[in-house]
């Protein structure tokens, strides 16, 4: 859930590797189905495609402008802005 909240959910392979690491032994092929059955809050899904409009605006100029503005705003508040307000 922590990874998903950060926008970086685990792939099936990563989940199997993490479960094997934690348990100290390899987990079986059907392990994930049982895990999902016992943890109904969790679900596996395929990621959505990146919207072409978003991809077009993901470039050095736009990102640089964002961080320049963010730095300008931070300089107006010497005590800092809490991350949840950004």
N, C-alpha and C. Protein backbone atom coordinates (compact mmCIF):
# COMPACT_ATOMS: atom_id res chain seq x y z
N UNK A 1 0.84 -1.19 0.00
CA UNK A 1 0.00 0.00 0.00
C UNK A 1 0.88 1.25 0.00
N UNK A 2 2.02 1.16 0.67
CA UNK A 2 2.95 2.30 0.71
C UNK A 2 3.43 2.63 -0.70
N UNK A 3 3.82 1.63 -1.45
CA UNK A 3 4.28 1.86 -2.82
C UNK A 3 3.17 2.43 -3.69
N UNK A 4 1.98 1.92 -3.55
CA UNK A 4 0.85 2.41 -4.34
C UNK A 4 0.54 3.86 -4.01
N UNK A 5 0.61 4.22 -2.72
CA UNK A 5 0.35 5.60 -2.32
C UNK A 5 1.37 6.56 -2.92
N UNK A 6 2.59 6.06 -3.15
CA UNK A 6 3.62 6.89 -3.76
C UNK A 6 3.49 6.91 -5.28
N UNK A 7 2.53 6.14 -5.82
CA UNK A 7 2.37 6.07 -7.26
C UNK A 7 3.32 5.08 -7.91
N UNK A 8 3.88 4.18 -7.10
CA UNK A 8 4.83 3.18 -7.60
C UNK A 8 4.42 1.79 -7.14
N UNK A 9 3.27 1.30 -7.57
CA UNK A 9 2.83 -0.01 -7.10
C UNK A 9 3.78 -1.11 -7.57
N UNK A 10 3.84 -2.18 -6.81
CA UNK A 10 4.71 -3.31 -7.13
C UNK A 10 4.13 -4.11 -8.30
N UNK A 11 5.00 -4.57 -9.18
CA UNK A 11 4.57 -5.48 -10.23
C UNK A 11 4.38 -6.86 -9.60
N UNK A 12 3.79 -7.80 -10.34
CA UNK A 12 3.63 -9.16 -9.82
C UNK A 12 4.99 -9.75 -9.45
N UNK A 13 5.97 -9.54 -10.34
CA UNK A 13 7.30 -10.08 -10.10
C UNK A 13 7.92 -9.46 -8.85
N UNK A 14 7.79 -8.14 -8.69
CA UNK A 14 8.33 -7.48 -7.51
C UNK A 14 7.65 -7.96 -6.24
N UNK A 15 6.32 -8.15 -6.31
CA UNK A 15 5.58 -8.63 -5.15
C UNK A 15 6.05 -10.03 -4.75
N UNK A 16 6.23 -10.91 -5.74
CA UNK A 16 6.73 -12.25 -5.45
C UNK A 16 8.13 -12.19 -4.83
N UNK A 17 8.99 -11.35 -5.40
CA UNK A 17 10.36 -11.23 -4.87
C UNK A 17 10.35 -10.71 -3.44
N UNK A 18 9.51 -9.73 -3.18
CA UNK A 18 9.44 -9.15 -1.84
C UNK A 18 8.89 -10.17 -0.83
N UNK A 19 7.86 -10.91 -1.23
CA UNK A 19 7.29 -11.94 -0.35
C UNK A 19 8.33 -13.03 -0.07
N UNK A 20 9.08 -13.42 -1.09
CA UNK A 20 10.13 -14.43 -0.90
C UNK A 20 11.22 -13.92 0.02
N UNK A 21 11.60 -12.65 -0.14
CA UNK A 21 12.64 -12.06 0.71
C UNK A 21 12.19 -12.04 2.17
N UNK A 22 10.93 -11.62 2.39
CA UNK A 22 10.40 -11.52 3.75
C UNK A 22 10.28 -12.89 4.40
N UNK A 23 9.78 -13.88 3.65
CA UNK A 23 9.57 -15.21 4.22
C UNK A 23 10.85 -16.03 4.31
N UNK A 24 11.86 -15.65 3.51
CA UNK A 24 13.11 -16.40 3.54
C UNK A 24 13.10 -17.63 2.66
N UNK A 25 12.01 -17.83 1.91
CA UNK A 25 11.92 -18.97 0.98
C UNK A 25 11.07 -18.55 -0.21
N UNK A 26 11.24 -19.20 -1.35
CA UNK A 26 10.45 -18.82 -2.54
C UNK A 26 8.95 -19.09 -2.32
N UNK A 27 8.13 -18.17 -2.83
CA UNK A 27 6.68 -18.39 -2.75
C UNK A 27 6.22 -19.08 -4.03
N UNK A 28 5.11 -19.80 -3.94
CA UNK A 28 4.60 -20.56 -5.08
C UNK A 28 3.90 -19.69 -6.11
N UNK A 29 3.57 -20.32 -7.24
CA UNK A 29 2.91 -19.61 -8.34
C UNK A 29 1.53 -19.10 -7.95
N UNK A 30 0.84 -19.82 -7.08
CA UNK A 30 -0.52 -19.44 -6.69
C UNK A 30 -0.55 -18.56 -5.44
N UNK A 31 0.61 -18.18 -4.95
CA UNK A 31 0.69 -17.41 -3.72
C UNK A 31 -0.07 -16.09 -3.83
N UNK A 32 0.08 -15.38 -4.93
CA UNK A 32 -0.54 -14.06 -5.06
C UNK A 32 -2.07 -14.16 -5.01
N UNK A 33 -2.65 -15.17 -5.62
CA UNK A 33 -4.11 -15.33 -5.59
C UNK A 33 -4.59 -15.48 -4.16
N UNK A 34 -3.90 -16.28 -3.37
CA UNK A 34 -4.26 -16.46 -1.96
C UNK A 34 -4.07 -15.18 -1.16
N UNK A 35 -2.99 -14.47 -1.46
CA UNK A 35 -2.71 -13.21 -0.77
C UNK A 35 -3.83 -12.21 -1.05
N UNK A 36 -4.22 -12.08 -2.32
CA UNK A 36 -5.28 -11.13 -2.68
C UNK A 36 -6.63 -11.55 -2.08
N UNK A 37 -6.85 -12.85 -1.95
CA UNK A 37 -8.10 -13.35 -1.35
C UNK A 37 -8.21 -12.96 0.13
N UNK A 38 -7.06 -12.94 0.82
CA UNK A 38 -7.05 -12.59 2.24
C UNK A 38 -6.93 -11.09 2.50
N UNK A 39 -6.53 -10.33 1.48
CA UNK A 39 -6.35 -8.89 1.62
C UNK A 39 -7.19 -8.19 0.56
N UNK A 40 -8.49 -8.08 0.83
CA UNK A 40 -9.44 -7.57 -0.15
C UNK A 40 -9.23 -6.10 -0.51
N UNK A 41 -8.52 -5.34 0.35
CA UNK A 41 -8.24 -3.94 0.04
C UNK A 41 -7.28 -3.81 -1.14
N UNK A 42 -6.47 -4.84 -1.33
CA UNK A 42 -5.47 -4.81 -2.38
C UNK A 42 -6.01 -5.46 -3.65
N UNK A 43 -5.57 -4.95 -4.77
CA UNK A 43 -5.95 -5.55 -6.05
C UNK A 43 -4.87 -5.28 -7.07
N UNK A 44 -4.73 -6.20 -8.01
CA UNK A 44 -3.74 -5.99 -9.06
C UNK A 44 -4.46 -5.46 -10.29
N UNK A 45 -3.80 -4.56 -10.98
CA UNK A 45 -4.37 -3.94 -12.17
C UNK A 45 -3.25 -3.63 -13.15
N UNK A 46 -3.64 -3.45 -14.40
CA UNK A 46 -2.68 -3.00 -15.40
C UNK A 46 -2.65 -1.48 -15.36
N UNK A 47 -1.49 -0.88 -15.56
CA UNK A 47 -1.41 0.58 -15.54
C UNK A 47 -2.14 1.19 -16.74
N UNK A 48 -2.66 2.38 -16.55
CA UNK A 48 -3.32 3.10 -17.64
C UNK A 48 -2.26 3.71 -18.55
N UNK A 49 -2.62 3.91 -19.80
CA UNK A 49 -1.70 4.55 -20.74
C UNK A 49 -1.52 6.02 -20.38
N UNK A 50 -0.37 6.54 -20.72
CA UNK A 50 -0.08 7.95 -20.49
C UNK A 50 -0.81 8.77 -21.53
N UNK A 51 -1.57 9.74 -21.07
CA UNK A 51 -2.30 10.64 -21.97
C UNK A 51 -1.30 11.39 -22.84
N UNK A 52 -1.49 11.41 -24.16
CA UNK A 52 -0.55 12.11 -25.05
C UNK A 52 -0.35 13.58 -24.68
N UNK A 53 -1.39 14.23 -24.16
CA UNK A 53 -1.26 15.64 -23.75
C UNK A 53 -0.29 15.77 -22.58
N UNK A 54 -0.35 14.83 -21.66
CA UNK A 54 0.58 14.85 -20.52
C UNK A 54 2.00 14.56 -21.01
N UNK A 55 2.14 13.58 -21.89
CA UNK A 55 3.46 13.23 -22.40
C UNK A 55 4.09 14.40 -23.13
N UNK A 56 3.28 15.13 -23.90
CA UNK A 56 3.77 16.28 -24.67
C UNK A 56 4.34 17.36 -23.74
N UNK A 57 3.73 17.53 -22.58
CA UNK A 57 4.15 18.57 -21.64
C UNK A 57 5.20 18.10 -20.64
N UNK A 58 5.63 16.87 -20.78
CA UNK A 58 6.67 16.36 -19.88
C UNK A 58 8.01 16.54 -20.58
N UNK A 59 8.53 17.76 -20.51
CA UNK A 59 9.81 18.06 -21.15
C UNK A 59 10.63 18.97 -20.24
N UNK A 60 11.88 19.15 -20.59
CA UNK A 60 12.82 19.90 -19.75
C UNK A 60 12.35 21.32 -19.45
N UNK A 61 11.80 22.02 -20.46
CA UNK A 61 11.36 23.40 -20.29
C UNK A 61 10.21 23.51 -19.29
N UNK A 62 9.20 22.68 -19.48
CA UNK A 62 8.01 22.72 -18.60
C UNK A 62 8.38 22.32 -17.18
N UNK A 63 9.15 21.26 -17.04
CA UNK A 63 9.53 20.79 -15.70
C UNK A 63 10.43 21.83 -15.02
N UNK A 64 11.37 22.41 -15.77
CA UNK A 64 12.25 23.44 -15.21
C UNK A 64 11.45 24.64 -14.74
N UNK A 65 10.46 25.05 -15.52
CA UNK A 65 9.59 26.17 -15.16
C UNK A 65 8.83 25.87 -13.87
N UNK A 66 8.34 24.65 -13.74
CA UNK A 66 7.62 24.24 -12.53
C UNK A 66 8.52 24.41 -11.30
N UNK A 67 9.74 23.90 -11.37
CA UNK A 67 10.63 23.97 -10.21
C UNK A 67 11.10 25.39 -9.94
N UNK A 68 11.24 26.21 -10.97
CA UNK A 68 11.57 27.63 -10.76
C UNK A 68 10.46 28.32 -9.98
N UNK A 69 9.22 28.07 -10.38
CA UNK A 69 8.07 28.66 -9.67
C UNK A 69 7.97 28.14 -8.25
N UNK A 70 8.21 26.85 -8.08
CA UNK A 70 8.16 26.25 -6.74
C UNK A 70 9.21 26.89 -5.83
N UNK A 71 10.40 27.08 -6.35
CA UNK A 71 11.47 27.72 -5.57
C UNK A 71 11.10 29.16 -5.21
N UNK A 72 10.47 29.85 -6.14
CA UNK A 72 10.03 31.24 -5.89
C UNK A 72 9.01 31.27 -4.75
N UNK A 73 8.07 30.36 -4.77
CA UNK A 73 7.05 30.29 -3.72
C UNK A 73 7.70 29.95 -2.38
N UNK A 74 8.62 28.99 -2.38
CA UNK A 74 9.31 28.61 -1.14
C UNK A 74 10.06 29.80 -0.54
N UNK A 75 10.64 30.64 -1.39
CA UNK A 75 11.41 31.78 -0.88
C UNK A 75 10.52 32.81 -0.18
N UNK A 76 9.23 32.79 -0.46
CA UNK A 76 8.29 33.73 0.17
C UNK A 76 7.89 33.28 1.57
N UNK A 77 8.16 32.02 1.90
CA UNK A 77 7.79 31.45 3.19
C UNK A 77 9.04 30.87 3.85
N UNK A 78 9.78 31.70 4.59
CA UNK A 78 11.06 31.27 5.18
C UNK A 78 10.96 30.04 6.08
N UNK A 79 9.84 29.87 6.77
CA UNK A 79 9.71 28.71 7.66
C UNK A 79 9.40 27.44 6.89
N UNK A 80 9.16 27.57 5.60
CA UNK A 80 8.88 26.40 4.76
C UNK A 80 7.40 26.13 4.60
N UNK A 81 7.09 25.42 3.56
CA UNK A 81 5.71 25.02 3.27
C UNK A 81 5.59 23.53 3.54
N UNK A 82 4.64 23.10 4.36
CA UNK A 82 4.48 21.68 4.61
C UNK A 82 4.25 20.93 3.30
N UNK A 83 4.87 19.76 3.13
CA UNK A 83 4.73 18.99 1.88
C UNK A 83 3.29 18.72 1.49
N UNK A 84 2.41 18.54 2.48
CA UNK A 84 0.99 18.25 2.14
C UNK A 84 0.29 19.44 1.52
N UNK A 85 0.92 20.63 1.58
CA UNK A 85 0.32 21.82 0.99
C UNK A 85 0.91 22.17 -0.37
N UNK A 86 1.80 21.34 -0.86
CA UNK A 86 2.43 21.60 -2.16
C UNK A 86 1.63 20.91 -3.24
